[in-house]
Structure formats: C-alpha cells, structure tokens
C-alpha atoms as a PDB file:
ATOM      1  CA  MET A   1     132.345 106.107  67.364  1.00  0.00           C
ATOM      2  CA  SER A   2     133.545 105.366  70.884  1.00  0.00           C
ATOM      3  CA  SER A   3     133.325 101.916  72.385  1.00  0.00           C
ATOM      4  CA  ARG A   4     133.143 100.238  75.764  1.00  0.00           C
ATOM      5  CA  PRO A   5     133.594  96.664  76.971  1.00  0.00           C
ATOM      6  CA  CYS A   6     130.543  94.438  77.382  1.00  0.00           C
ATOM      7  CA  PRO A   7     130.017  93.785  81.131  1.00  0.00           C
ATOM      8  CA  PHE A   8     129.121  90.152  80.356  1.00  0.00           C
ATOM      9  CA  CYS A   9     131.626  88.924  77.771  1.00  0.00           C
ATOM     10  CA  GLY A  10     134.256  91.693  77.681  1.00  0.00           C
ATOM     11  CA  GLU A  11     134.141  92.292  73.908  1.00  0.00           C
ATOM     12  CA  LYS A  12     134.289  95.873  72.626  1.00  0.00           C
ATOM     13  CA  ILE A  13     130.861  97.254  71.717  1.00  0.00           C
ATOM     14  CA  LYS A  14     129.499 100.687  70.840  1.00  0.00           C
ATOM     15  CA  LYS A  15     128.624 102.976  73.743  1.00  0.00           C
ATOM     16  CA  ALA A  16     125.049 103.381  72.476  1.00  0.00           C
ATOM     17  CA  ALA A  17     124.464  99.623  72.164  1.00  0.00           C
ATOM     18  CA  ILE A  18     121.372  98.136  73.781  1.00  0.00           C
ATOM     19  CA  PHE A  19     122.372  94.475  73.229  1.00  0.00           C
ATOM     20  CA  CYS A  20     125.847  92.949  72.955  1.00  0.00           C
ATOM     21  CA  ARG A  21     126.318  91.643  69.412  1.00  0.00           C
ATOM     22  CA  PHE A  22     128.623  88.889  70.644  1.00  0.00           C
ATOM     23  CA  CYS A  23     126.841  87.386  73.667  1.00  0.00           C
ATOM     24  CA  ARG A  24     123.344  88.821  72.964  1.00  0.00           C
ATOM     25  CA  HIS A  25     122.868  90.079  76.547  1.00  0.00           C
ATOM     26  CA  GLU A  26     120.743  93.151  77.121  1.00  0.00           C
ATOM     27  CA  LEU A  27     123.020  95.887  78.429  1.00  0.00           C
ATOM     28  CA  PRO A  28     122.217  98.101  81.400  1.00  0.00           C
ATOM     29  CA  SER A  29     121.830 101.706  80.317  1.00  0.00           C
ATOM     30  CA  ALA A  30     123.787 104.508  81.969  1.00  0.00           C
ATOM     31  CA  ALA A  31     120.570 106.512  82.456  1.00  0.00           C
ATOM     32  CA  SER A  32     118.928 103.814  84.613  1.00  0.00           C
ATOM     33  CA  GLY A  33     121.583 104.238  87.319  1.00  0.00           C
ATOM     34  CA  LYS A  34     120.996 107.969  87.443  1.00  0.00           C
ATOM     35  CA  LYS A  35     117.248 107.492  87.811  1.00  0.00           C
ATOM     36  CA  ASN A  36     117.746 105.176  90.779  1.00  0.00           C
ATOM     37  CA  HIS A  37     120.074 107.682  92.391  1.00  0.00           C
ATOM     38  CA  LEU A  38     117.560 110.481  91.873  1.00  0.00           C
ATOM     39  CA  GLY A  39     114.799 108.335  93.365  1.00  0.00           C
ATOM     40  CA  LEU A  40     116.912 107.648  96.437  1.00  0.00           C
ATOM     41  CA  ILE A  41     117.577 111.351  96.975  1.00  0.00           C
ATOM     42  CA  SER A  42     113.870 112.136  96.577  1.00  0.00           C
ATOM     43  CA  ALA A  43     112.908 109.424  99.054  1.00  0.00           C
ATOM     44  CA  LEU A  44     115.437 110.617 101.626  1.00  0.00           C
ATOM     45  CA  THR A  45     114.309 114.231 101.234  1.00  0.00           C
ATOM     46  CA  ALA A  46     110.647 113.293 101.638  1.00  0.00           C
ATOM     47  CA  THR A  47     111.464 111.197 104.716  1.00  0.00           C
ATOM     48  CA  ALA A  48     113.427 114.060 106.275  1.00  0.00           C
ATOM     49  CA  ILE A  49     110.560 116.491 105.682  1.00  0.00           C
ATOM     50  CA  ILE A  50     107.997 114.109 107.189  1.00  0.00           C
ATOM     51  CA  VAL A  51     110.129 113.344 110.246  1.00  0.00           C
ATOM     52  CA  SER A  52     111.004 116.976 110.936  1.00  0.00           C
ATOM     53  CA  GLY A  53     107.377 118.056 110.447  1.00  0.00           C
ATOM     54  CA  SER A  54     106.168 115.359 112.834  1.00  0.00           C
ATOM     55  CA  ALA A  55     108.767 116.353 115.439  1.00  0.00           C
ATOM     56  CA  PHE A  56     107.686 120.001 115.158  1.00  0.00           C
ATOM     57  CA  LEU A  57     104.004 119.132 115.581  1.00  0.00           C
ATOM     58  CA  ILE A  58     104.718 116.919 118.600  1.00  0.00           C
ATOM     59  CA  SER A  59     106.823 119.607 120.273  1.00  0.00           C
ATOM     60  CA  GLU A  60     104.112 122.241 119.709  1.00  0.00           C
ATOM     61  CA  PHE A  61     101.453 119.887 121.086  1.00  0.00           C
ATOM     62  CA  LEU A  62     103.530 119.251 124.216  1.00  0.00           C
ATOM     63  CA  LYS A  63     103.994 123.008 124.750  1.00  0.00           C
ATOM     64  CA  GLU A  64     100.242 123.563 124.525  1.00  0.00           C
ATOM     65  CA  ARG A  65      99.599 120.613 126.825  1.00  0.00           C
ATOM     66  CA  ARG A  66     101.729 122.253 129.527  1.00  0.00           C
ATOM     67  CA  HIS A  67      99.534 125.344 129.270  1.00  0.00           C
ATOM     68  CA  TRP A  68      96.379 123.211 129.604  1.00  0.00           C
ATOM     69  CA  ILE A  69      97.739 121.560 132.736  1.00  0.00           C
ATOM     70  CA  ASP A  70      98.729 124.892 134.317  1.00  0.00           C
ATOM     71  CA  GLU A  71      95.259 126.373 133.864  1.00  0.00           C
END
C-alpha cells in the first residue's frame, strides 16, 4: 500500500489514514480540499449571474425610462 508523510510529525503513514499512528493528529482528507474548491467556483458563478442579471435589468429600466420622458 502506498504511503505519505504525516503533515504534523513527518512519519510515513498510509494514504488512507484518518489519524497519524505516531502523533495521533487527525489528518486532513484530500476530498475536503476539493469540496472547498467546488464551493468557491459555485459561489463565484452565482455572484456573476446575479451581477450580470442586475446590470441587464437596470439597463432595460433606463431604456424604458427614456421613452417615458420623451412621451
């Protein structure tokens, strides 16, 4: 089975380990970093959609307002 170094004590541990058997620290999982990255992308996408939608609605309102003033 493949191994990796413990980020806390540096001893070699199994890749699938949850706790280091030497220093007893709980190890960060590789999947948790990916979830945070996915959450960041989702948040940025949602923000971009909201901002662009708001800008579109404001521009359309201002166009209609010009027509109201001209009448």
